[in-house]
């Protein structure tokens, strides 16, 4: 893991959301030129395994789904929850 130290803290939200890149794990051409690794540490499913070499793109090793679709889904879900809660409050309030 020595080669990857310092190349991942800024990408920690990838591991939290279980995603990699905005579109997918191939979104890092300049990252590869700068670090020699195909994707950041945050893309790993389990940091510290032998397969985490910065080049293995197996679905067993990295999150392959992009973050944008996940963020969009979260936003839509939260928007529906907020709308439903607001509607419920508006219905209850006049009857109080």
Protein backbone atom coordinates (compact mmCIF):
# COMPACT_ATOMS: atom_id res chain seq x y z
CA UNK A 1 0.00 0.00 0.00
CA UNK A 2 3.02 2.32 0.12
CA UNK A 3 2.44 3.58 -3.41
CA UNK A 4 -1.06 4.73 -2.54
CA UNK A 5 -0.42 6.56 0.73
CA UNK A 6 -1.54 10.16 0.40
CA UNK A 7 -3.56 9.49 -2.75
CA UNK A 8 -6.97 8.89 -1.32
CA UNK A 9 -7.99 11.01 1.63
CA UNK A 10 -9.57 13.55 -0.72
CA UNK A 11 -11.60 10.69 -2.21
CA UNK A 12 -12.85 9.18 1.08
CA UNK A 13 -16.49 9.92 0.21
CA UNK A 14 -16.18 7.25 -2.50
CA UNK A 15 -15.79 4.58 0.14
CA UNK A 16 -18.66 6.09 2.16
CA UNK A 17 -21.00 6.08 -0.84
CA UNK A 18 -19.52 2.83 -2.20
CA UNK A 19 -18.84 4.37 -5.60
CA UNK A 20 -15.89 5.45 -7.75
CA UNK A 21 -15.69 8.53 -9.97
CA UNK A 22 -18.65 10.56 -11.13
CA UNK A 23 -19.56 8.37 -14.10
CA UNK A 24 -17.59 5.25 -13.08
CA UNK A 25 -14.12 4.01 -12.12
CA UNK A 26 -12.64 5.06 -15.50
CA UNK A 27 -12.91 8.79 -14.67
CA UNK A 28 -9.27 9.21 -13.59
CA UNK A 29 -6.92 9.54 -16.61
CA UNK A 30 -4.91 12.41 -15.06
CA UNK A 31 -4.80 10.60 -11.71
CA UNK A 32 -3.11 7.69 -13.43
CA UNK A 33 -0.59 9.98 -15.14
CA UNK A 34 0.24 11.69 -11.83
CA UNK A 35 0.30 8.66 -9.49
CA UNK A 36 0.73 5.60 -11.69
CA UNK A 37 -2.51 4.18 -10.27
CA UNK A 38 -5.73 3.74 -12.21
CA UNK A 39 -8.05 5.06 -9.48
CA UNK A 40 -7.91 6.55 -5.93
CA UNK A 41 -7.89 4.57 -2.69
CA UNK A 42 -11.48 5.51 -1.91
CA UNK A 43 -12.62 3.23 -4.73
CA UNK A 44 -11.44 0.06 -2.92
CA UNK A 45 -14.02 -2.16 -1.31
CA UNK A 46 -11.49 -3.34 1.28
CA UNK A 47 -8.24 -1.40 1.62
CA UNK A 48 -5.23 -3.47 2.56
CA UNK A 49 -5.79 -6.61 0.54
CA UNK A 50 -3.17 -7.82 -1.94
CA UNK A 51 -5.56 -7.16 -4.83
CA UNK A 52 -5.54 -3.42 -3.98
CA UNK A 53 -2.65 -2.58 -6.26
CA UNK A 54 -4.06 0.52 -7.93
CA UNK A 55 -4.61 -1.31 -11.21
CA UNK A 56 -6.99 -4.22 -10.50
CA UNK A 57 -10.41 -3.10 -11.74
CA UNK A 58 -12.27 -6.27 -10.75
CA UNK A 59 -15.72 -5.71 -9.26
CA UNK A 60 -14.50 -7.77 -6.29
CA UNK A 61 -11.81 -5.16 -5.56
CA UNK A 62 -13.28 -1.73 -6.37
CA UNK A 63 -16.64 -0.01 -6.45
CA UNK A 64 -17.30 0.30 -10.17
CA UNK A 65 -20.50 2.35 -10.08
CA UNK A 66 -20.14 6.11 -10.40
CA UNK A 67 -21.14 8.50 -7.63
CA UNK A 68 -23.35 10.80 -9.72
CA UNK A 69 -26.15 8.23 -10.20
CA UNK A 70 -25.99 7.40 -6.47
CA UNK A 71 -26.09 11.08 -5.46
CA UNK A 72 -28.99 11.67 -7.84
CA UNK A 73 -30.90 8.75 -6.32
CA UNK A 74 -30.24 10.02 -2.77
CA UNK A 75 -31.36 13.53 -3.76
CA UNK A 76 -34.57 12.24 -5.32
CA UNK A 77 -35.33 10.04 -2.31
CA UNK A 78 -34.67 12.88 0.14
CA UNK A 79 -36.72 15.29 -2.00
CA UNK A 80 -39.69 12.90 -1.93
CA UNK A 81 -39.35 12.49 1.84
CA UNK A 82 -39.19 16.28 2.35
CA UNK A 83 -42.14 16.86 0.02
CA UNK A 84 -44.20 14.21 1.78
CA UNK A 85 -43.36 15.66 5.19
CA UNK A 86 -44.20 19.20 4.06
CA UNK A 87 -47.48 18.06 2.56
CA UNK A 88 -48.34 16.19 5.76
CA UNK A 89 -47.60 19.28 7.85
CA UNK A 90 -49.69 21.48 5.54
CA UNK A 91 -52.67 19.09 5.77
CA UNK A 92 -52.47 18.84 9.56
CA UNK A 93 -51.97 22.56 10.20
CA UNK A 94 -55.30 23.96 8.89
CA UNK A 95 -57.24 21.42 10.90
CA UNK A 96 -55.52 22.40 14.17
